[in-house]
Amino acid sequence: MIYEFPDTSMRIRQGDIFVGLPRVDMSLNNVLIVSEAGERVAKWAEIAAKGDPVNIIVPVRPVAAIVATQDCDAVRSRDITLCEIRSFRDVERKSKDTTSAKSWKNLITQHARINQKWFYLPSDDRVGFLEKMAVDFMVTLRVPRTELEELRDLRKGRLNRLADEHFRERIGEFFRRYPYDEWYPLDQDELKAYLTEYPDTKPFPWQEAGVVDGGVKK
């Protein structure tokens, strides 16, 4: 498919896919502190206010991830940033009930152009992807570069040249995107149609004059 399989001796670069890297899931309201006095649970605000280093226990689970750091920085920077890879159905909610090849085609091509939060990765058992996957740009991991280099046996593949160029552009679009509420320029009829699909939408002041009980009046 769209993957290459570099030798473990090759340098880490953007688009490298690792399987089995640690993702930390930490609660800021229930932090388990471990000390000589024993264990206790505290809020992170309390720990931050004191400013003292503490030993804590946090849950960690292995996940798949792709290198987001640019090639030049992946050679010399202290840390490398990766984005988590998960099941496509988990990342893109519109795929929950997708079954036909035509529906998948539309989702993969059309929505890939308009949804800037993910990057599609096809299944390939050589990489360890037994189903359609996606890079979730919203979830990042940071690991020490030199230690990741020691774990290059966890690198299961990398994007080929075409896919890597696309990935580089997509991740750039994600981090420079301008956040806005897409419905702000809609007129009353257009807003009415929009509300049928997104009923929790909050109209802007210039639209509220025509909105009543979740619908739109003339």
C-alpha atoms as a PDB file:
ATOM      1  CA  MET A   1       0.000   0.000   0.000  1.00  0.00           C
ATOM      2  CA  ILE A   2       1.398   3.387   0.992  1.00  0.00           C
ATOM      3  CA  TYR A   3       4.083   2.110   3.354  1.00  0.00           C
ATOM      4  CA  GLU A   4       7.809   1.469   3.209  1.00  0.00           C
ATOM      5  CA  PHE A   5       9.777  -0.689   5.604  1.00  0.00           C
ATOM      6  CA  PRO A   6      13.097   0.889   6.560  1.00  0.00           C
ATOM      7  CA  ASP A   7      15.933  -1.048   8.131  1.00  0.00           C
ATOM      8  CA  THR A   8      16.421  -0.450  11.855  1.00  0.00           C
ATOM      9  CA  SER A   9      19.735   1.252  11.082  1.00  0.00           C
ATOM     10  CA  MET A  10      18.000   4.077   9.172  1.00  0.00           C
ATOM     11  CA  ARG A  11      17.427   7.394  10.931  1.00  0.00           C
ATOM     12  CA  ILE A  12      14.079   8.355  12.364  1.00  0.00           C
ATOM     13  CA  ARG A  13      12.168  10.749  10.138  1.00  0.00           C
ATOM     14  CA  GLN A  14       8.745  12.314   9.810  1.00  0.00           C
ATOM     15  CA  GLY A  15       6.173   9.727   8.780  1.00  0.00           C
ATOM     16  CA  ASP A  16       7.791   6.845  10.678  1.00  0.00           C
ATOM     17  CA  ILE A  17       5.179   4.591  12.290  1.00  0.00           C
ATOM     18  CA  PHE A  18       5.869   3.100  15.713  1.00  0.00           C
ATOM     19  CA  VAL A  19       3.726   0.508  17.460  1.00  0.00           C
ATOM     20  CA  GLY A  20       3.949   0.159  21.235  1.00  0.00           C
ATOM     21  CA  LEU A  21       4.892   3.644  22.458  1.00  0.00           C
ATOM     22  CA  PRO A  22       3.628   4.847  25.854  1.00  0.00           C
ATOM     23  CA  ARG A  23       0.610   7.112  26.155  1.00  0.00           C
ATOM     24  CA  VAL A  24       0.095   8.594  29.606  1.00  0.00           C
ATOM     25  CA  ASP A  25      -3.504   9.135  30.736  1.00  0.00           C
ATOM     26  CA  MET A  26      -3.317  11.443  33.730  1.00  0.00           C
ATOM     27  CA  SER A  27      -6.165  12.898  35.752  1.00  0.00           C
ATOM     28  CA  LEU A  28      -5.606  16.404  37.100  1.00  0.00           C
ATOM     29  CA  ASN A  29      -8.238  15.883  39.804  1.00  0.00           C
ATOM     30  CA  ASN A  30      -6.963  12.565  41.170  1.00  0.00           C
ATOM     31  CA  VAL A  31      -3.163  12.429  41.247  1.00  0.00           C
ATOM     32  CA  LEU A  32      -1.706   9.480  43.158  1.00  0.00           C
ATOM     33  CA  ILE A  33       1.359  10.719  45.057  1.00  0.00           C
ATOM     34  CA  VAL A  34       3.887   8.220  46.363  1.00  0.00           C
ATOM     35  CA  SER A  35       6.307   9.149  49.158  1.00  0.00           C
ATOM     36  CA  GLU A  36       8.070   7.615  52.163  1.00  0.00           C
ATOM     37  CA  ALA A  37       4.960   8.393  54.180  1.00  0.00           C
ATOM     38  CA  GLY A  38       2.858   6.273  51.844  1.00  0.00           C
ATOM     39  CA  GLU A  39       0.341   7.090  49.139  1.00  0.00           C
ATOM     40  CA  ARG A  40      -2.245   9.829  48.928  1.00  0.00           C
ATOM     41  CA  VAL A  41      -4.487  11.357  46.292  1.00  0.00           C
ATOM     42  CA  ALA A  42      -4.324  15.076  45.550  1.00  0.00           C
ATOM     43  CA  LYS A  43      -5.449  17.553  42.937  1.00  0.00           C
ATOM     44  CA  TRP A  44      -2.821  18.826  40.534  1.00  0.00           C
ATOM     45  CA  ALA A  45      -3.663  22.426  41.512  1.00  0.00           C
ATOM     46  CA  GLU A  46      -2.430  21.644  45.021  1.00  0.00           C
ATOM     47  CA  ILE A  47       0.824  20.159  43.716  1.00  0.00           C
ATOM     48  CA  ALA A  48       1.393  23.061  41.328  1.00  0.00           C
ATOM     49  CA  ALA A  49       0.774  25.633  44.087  1.00  0.00           C
ATOM     50  CA  LYS A  50       3.532  24.134  46.255  1.00  0.00           C
ATOM     51  CA  GLY A  51       5.927  23.895  43.334  1.00  0.00           C
ATOM     52  CA  ASP A  52       7.846  20.963  44.796  1.00  0.00           C
ATOM     53  CA  PRO A  53       8.705  17.861  42.740  1.00  0.00           C
ATOM     54  CA  VAL A  54       6.684  14.778  43.663  1.00  0.00           C
ATOM     55  CA  ASN A  55       6.599  11.133  42.660  1.00  0.00           C
ATOM     56  CA  ILE A  56       3.288  10.100  41.145  1.00  0.00           C
ATOM     57  CA  ILE A  57       1.763   6.987  39.641  1.00  0.00           C
ATOM     58  CA  VAL A  58      -0.037   7.386  36.333  1.00  0.00           C
ATOM     59  CA  PRO A  59      -1.613   4.811  34.003  1.00  0.00           C
ATOM     60  CA  VAL A  60       0.321   4.154  30.806  1.00  0.00           C
ATOM     61  CA  ARG A  61      -0.746   2.106  27.789  1.00  0.00           C
ATOM     62  CA  PRO A  62       1.031   1.198  24.549  1.00  0.00           C
ATOM     63  CA  VAL A  63      -0.304   2.859  21.393  1.00  0.00           C
ATOM     64  CA  ALA A  64       0.622   3.242  17.745  1.00  0.00           C
ATOM     65  CA  ALA A  65       1.943   6.655  16.724  1.00  0.00           C
ATOM     66  CA  ILE A  66       3.530   8.467  13.785  1.00  0.00           C
ATOM     67  CA  VAL A  67       6.437  10.906  13.906  1.00  0.00           C
ATOM     68  CA  ALA A  68       5.223  14.478  13.432  1.00  0.00           C
ATOM     69  CA  THR A  69       8.583  16.181  14.052  1.00  0.00           C
ATOM     70  CA  GLN A  70      10.245  17.455  10.866  1.00  0.00           C
ATOM     71  CA  ASP A  71      13.210  15.517   9.519  1.00  0.00           C
ATOM     72  CA  CYS A  72      15.819  18.139  10.416  1.00  0.00           C
ATOM     73  CA  ASP A  73      14.649  18.272  14.040  1.00  0.00           C
ATOM     74  CA  ALA A  74      14.315  14.485  14.262  1.00  0.00           C
ATOM     75  CA  VAL A  75      18.090  14.307  13.829  1.00  0.00           C
ATOM     76  CA  ARG A  76      19.170  16.665  16.622  1.00  0.00           C
ATOM     77  CA  SER A  77      16.307  17.845  18.842  1.00  0.00           C
ATOM     78  CA  ARG A  78      16.014  16.670  22.426  1.00  0.00           C
ATOM     79  CA  ASP A  79      12.469  15.347  21.993  1.00  0.00           C
ATOM     80  CA  ILE A  80      10.399  13.925  19.175  1.00  0.00           C
ATOM     81  CA  THR A  81       6.679  14.566  18.877  1.00  0.00           C
ATOM     82  CA  LEU A  82       4.358  11.873  17.538  1.00  0.00           C
ATOM     83  CA  CYS A  83       0.609  11.796  16.887  1.00  0.00           C
ATOM     84  CA  GLU A  84      -1.417   8.841  18.053  1.00  0.00           C
ATOM     85  CA  ILE A  85      -2.837   6.372  15.521  1.00  0.00           C
ATOM     86  CA  ARG A  86      -6.193   4.761  16.288  1.00  0.00           C
ATOM     87  CA  SER A  87      -8.964   2.913  14.521  1.00  0.00           C
ATOM     88  CA  PHE A  88     -10.480   5.090  11.798  1.00  0.00           C
ATOM     89  CA  ARG A  89     -13.964   4.383  13.158  1.00  0.00           C
ATOM     90  CA  ASP A  90     -12.830   5.724  16.519  1.00  0.00           C
ATOM     91  CA  VAL A  91     -11.311   8.910  15.083  1.00  0.00           C
ATOM     92  CA  GLU A  92     -13.941   9.766  12.435  1.00  0.00           C
ATOM     93  CA  ARG A  93     -17.489   9.458  13.756  1.00  0.00           C
ATOM     94  CA  LYS A  94     -18.991   9.542  10.265  1.00  0.00           C
ATOM     95  CA  SER A  95     -17.448   6.126   9.601  1.00  0.00           C
ATOM     96  CA  LYS A  96     -19.367   4.317  12.360  1.00  0.00           C
ATOM     97  CA  ASP A  97     -21.945   2.834   9.991  1.00  0.00           C
ATOM     98  CA  THR A  98     -19.876   2.846   6.805  1.00  0.00           C
ATOM     99  CA  THR A  99     -19.817  -0.533   5.061  1.00  0.00           C
ATOM    100  CA  SER A 100     -19.913  -0.216   1.263  1.00  0.00           C
ATOM    101  CA  ALA A 101     -16.872   0.477  -0.887  1.00  0.00           C
ATOM    102  CA  LYS A 102     -18.629   3.539  -2.340  1.00  0.00           C
ATOM    103  CA  SER A 103     -19.244   5.018   1.101  1.00  0.00           C
ATOM    104  CA  TRP A 104     -15.662   4.366   2.140  1.00  0.00           C
ATOM    105  CA  LYS A 105     -14.448   5.961  -1.083  1.00  0.00           C
ATOM    106  CA  ASN A 106     -16.426   9.134  -0.427  1.00  0.00           C
ATOM    107  CA  LEU A 107     -15.299   9.305   3.176  1.00  0.00           C
ATOM    108  CA  ILE A 108     -11.623   8.706   2.454  1.00  0.00           C
ATOM    109  CA  THR A 109     -11.395  11.135  -0.466  1.00  0.00           C
ATOM    110  CA  GLN A 110     -13.972  13.873   0.118  1.00  0.00           C
ATOM    111  CA  HIS A 111     -13.839  14.109   3.899  1.00  0.00           C
ATOM    112  CA  ALA A 112     -10.059  13.869   3.889  1.00  0.00           C
ATOM    113  CA  ARG A 113     -10.085  17.212   2.092  1.00  0.00           C
ATOM    114  CA  ILE A 114     -12.428  18.989   4.498  1.00  0.00           C
ATOM    115  CA  ASN A 115     -11.567  17.372   7.838  1.00  0.00           C
ATOM    116  CA  GLN A 116      -8.183  18.635   9.008  1.00  0.00           C
ATOM    117  CA  LYS A 117      -8.096  16.719  12.292  1.00  0.00           C
ATOM    118  CA  TRP A 118      -7.037  13.334  10.952  1.00  0.00           C
ATOM    119  CA  PHE A 119      -4.953  11.602   8.303  1.00  0.00           C
ATOM    120  CA  TYR A 120      -6.178   8.326   6.829  1.00  0.00           C
ATOM    121  CA  LEU A 121      -4.016   5.184   6.932  1.00  0.00           C
ATOM    122  CA  PRO A 122      -5.130   2.037   5.064  1.00  0.00           C
ATOM    123  CA  SER A 123      -4.941  -1.385   6.671  1.00  0.00           C
ATOM    124  CA  ASP A 124      -1.768  -3.413   6.169  1.00  0.00           C
ATOM    125  CA  ASP A 125      -0.871  -6.362   8.373  1.00  0.00           C
ATOM    126  CA  ARG A 126       2.838  -5.781   7.727  1.00  0.00           C
ATOM    127  CA  VAL A 127       2.547  -2.568   9.742  1.00  0.00           C
ATOM    128  CA  GLY A 128       0.199  -4.175  12.233  1.00  0.00           C
ATOM    129  CA  PHE A 129      -2.907  -2.376  10.970  1.00  0.00           C
ATOM    130  CA  LEU A 130      -5.638  -5.005  10.685  1.00  0.00           C
ATOM    131  CA  GLU A 131      -8.291  -2.374   9.968  1.00  0.00           C
ATOM    132  CA  LYS A 132      -8.514   1.131   8.547  1.00  0.00           C
ATOM    133  CA  MET A 133      -6.637   3.536  10.808  1.00  0.00           C
ATOM    134  CA  ALA A 134      -6.192   7.283  11.203  1.00  0.00           C
ATOM    135  CA  VAL A 135      -3.666   9.667  12.656  1.00  0.00           C
ATOM    136  CA  ASP A 136      -5.370  11.807  15.285  1.00  0.00           C
ATOM    137  CA  PHE A 137      -3.656  15.200  15.171  1.00  0.00           C
ATOM    138  CA  MET A 138      -5.421  16.141  18.417  1.00  0.00           C
ATOM    139  CA  VAL A 139      -3.471  13.571  20.462  1.00  0.00           C
ATOM    140  CA  THR A 140       0.302  13.942  20.698  1.00  0.00           C
ATOM    141  CA  LEU A 141       3.091  12.086  22.480  1.00  0.00           C
ATOM    142  CA  ARG A 142       6.545  13.427  23.302  1.00  0.00           C
ATOM    143  CA  VAL A 143       9.479  11.096  23.785  1.00  0.00           C
ATOM    144  CA  PRO A 144      13.253  11.625  24.168  1.00  0.00           C
ATOM    145  CA  ARG A 145      14.902  11.368  20.755  1.00  0.00           C
ATOM    146  CA  THR A 146      17.921   9.319  21.820  1.00  0.00           C
ATOM    147  CA  GLU A 147      15.744   6.825  23.688  1.00  0.00           C
ATOM    148  CA  LEU A 148      13.382   6.485  20.746  1.00  0.00           C
ATOM    149  CA  GLU A 149      16.382   5.753  18.551  1.00  0.00           C
ATOM    150  CA  GLU A 150      17.116   2.811  20.841  1.00  0.00           C
ATOM    151  CA  LEU A 151      13.594   1.504  20.168  1.00  0.00           C
ATOM    152  CA  ARG A 152      13.756   1.480  16.380  1.00  0.00           C
ATOM    153  CA  ASP A 153      12.674  -2.161  16.444  1.00  0.00           C
ATOM    154  CA  LEU A 154       9.235  -0.765  17.344  1.00  0.00           C
ATOM    155  CA  ARG A 155       9.195   1.106  14.037  1.00  0.00           C
ATOM    156  CA  LYS A 156       6.942  -1.017  11.850  1.00  0.00           C
ATOM    157  CA  GLY A 157       7.017   1.136   8.717  1.00  0.00           C
ATOM    158  CA  ARG A 158       6.968   4.634   7.302  1.00  0.00           C
ATOM    159  CA  LEU A 159       4.933   6.554   4.767  1.00  0.00           C
ATOM    160  CA  ASN A 160       6.144   6.345   1.186  1.00  0.00           C
ATOM    161  CA  ARG A 161       7.181   9.504  -0.648  1.00  0.00           C
ATOM    162  CA  LEU A 162       3.729  10.462  -1.940  1.00  0.00           C
ATOM    163  CA  ALA A 163       1.949   9.779   1.348  1.00  0.00           C
ATOM    164  CA  ASP A 164       4.668  11.560   3.323  1.00  0.00           C
ATOM    165  CA  GLU A 165       4.299  14.728   1.245  1.00  0.00           C
ATOM    166  CA  HIS A 166       0.547  14.622   1.807  1.00  0.00           C
ATOM    167  CA  PHE A 167       1.018  13.983   5.541  1.00  0.00           C
ATOM    168  CA  ARG A 168       3.441  16.911   5.838  1.00  0.00           C
ATOM    169  CA  GLU A 169       0.931  19.249   4.208  1.00  0.00           C
ATOM    170  CA  ARG A 170      -2.004  17.981   6.272  1.00  0.00           C
ATOM    171  CA  ILE A 171      -0.245  18.332   9.605  1.00  0.00           C
ATOM    172  CA  GLY A 172       0.873  21.807   8.579  1.00  0.00           C
ATOM    173  CA  GLU A 173      -2.721  22.721   7.742  1.00  0.00           C
ATOM    174  CA  PHE A 174      -3.882  21.430  11.113  1.00  0.00           C
ATOM    175  CA  PHE A 175      -1.520  23.531  13.166  1.00  0.00           C
ATOM    176  CA  ARG A 176      -2.007  26.724  11.159  1.00  0.00           C
ATOM    177  CA  ARG A 177      -5.781  26.388  10.704  1.00  0.00           C
ATOM    178  CA  TYR A 178      -8.019  29.278  11.701  1.00  0.00           C
ATOM    179  CA  PRO A 179     -10.770  28.170  14.096  1.00  0.00           C
ATOM    180  CA  TYR A 180     -14.193  29.521  13.233  1.00  0.00           C
ATOM    181  CA  ASP A 181     -17.870  28.576  13.461  1.00  0.00           C
ATOM    182  CA  GLU A 182     -18.753  27.643   9.921  1.00  0.00           C
ATOM    183  CA  TRP A 183     -22.413  28.632  10.171  1.00  0.00           C
ATOM    184  CA  TYR A 184     -21.790  32.340  10.881  1.00  0.00           C
ATOM    185  CA  PRO A 185     -22.592  33.585   7.311  1.00  0.00           C
ATOM    186  CA  LEU A 186     -25.763  31.501   6.792  1.00  0.00           C
ATOM    187  CA  ASP A 187     -29.058  33.217   6.075  1.00  0.00           C
ATOM    188  CA  GLN A 188     -32.301  32.080   7.747  1.00  0.00           C
ATOM    189  CA  ASP A 189     -33.164  29.321   5.297  1.00  0.00           C
ATOM    190  CA  GLU A 190     -29.610  28.009   5.260  1.00  0.00           C
ATOM    191  CA  LEU A 191     -29.421  28.115   9.053  1.00  0.00           C
ATOM    192  CA  LYS A 192     -32.688  26.207   9.303  1.00  0.00           C
ATOM    193  CA  ALA A 193     -31.230  23.438   7.159  1.00  0.00           C
ATOM    194  CA  TYR A 194     -28.041  23.492   9.227  1.00  0.00           C
ATOM    195  CA  LEU A 195     -29.976  23.170  12.500  1.00  0.00           C
ATOM    196  CA  THR A 196     -31.701  19.997  11.318  1.00  0.00           C
ATOM    197  CA  GLU A 197     -28.292  18.323  11.181  1.00  0.00           C
ATOM    198  CA  TYR A 198     -26.625  20.172  14.070  1.00  0.00           C
ATOM    199  CA  PRO A 199     -29.437  21.055  16.521  1.00  0.00           C
ATOM    200  CA  ASP A 200     -27.041  22.197  19.269  1.00  0.00           C
ATOM    201  CA  THR A 201     -25.705  25.026  17.113  1.00  0.00           C
ATOM    202  CA  LYS A 202     -25.839  28.443  18.784  1.00  0.00           C
ATOM    203  CA  PRO A 203     -26.782  31.169  16.272  1.00  0.00           C
ATOM    204  CA  PHE A 204     -24.894  34.442  16.229  1.00  0.00           C
ATOM    205  CA  PRO A 205     -26.612  37.687  17.320  1.00  0.00           C
ATOM    206  CA  TRP A 206     -27.313  38.698  13.720  1.00  0.00           C
ATOM    207  CA  GLN A 207     -29.025  35.338  13.209  1.00  0.00           C
ATOM    208  CA  GLU A 208     -30.924  35.105  16.505  1.00  0.00           C
ATOM    209  CA  ALA A 209     -33.678  37.461  15.401  1.00  0.00           C
ATOM    210  CA  GLY A 210     -34.976  34.729  13.146  1.00  0.00           C
ATOM    211  CA  VAL A 211     -34.489  31.783  15.485  1.00  0.00           C
ATOM    212  CA  VAL A 212     -37.275  30.368  17.671  1.00  0.00           C
ATOM    213  CA  ASP A 213     -37.163  27.096  19.651  1.00  0.00           C
ATOM    214  CA  GLY A 214     -34.362  25.535  17.628  1.00  0.00           C
ATOM    215  CA  GLY A 215     -35.970  26.435  14.316  1.00  0.00           C
ATOM    216  CA  VAL A 216     -35.929  29.493  12.131  1.00  0.00           C
ATOM    217  CA  LYS A 217     -38.821  31.853  11.566  1.00  0.00           C
ATOM    218  CA  LYS A 218     -39.275  34.090   8.595  1.00  0.00           C
END
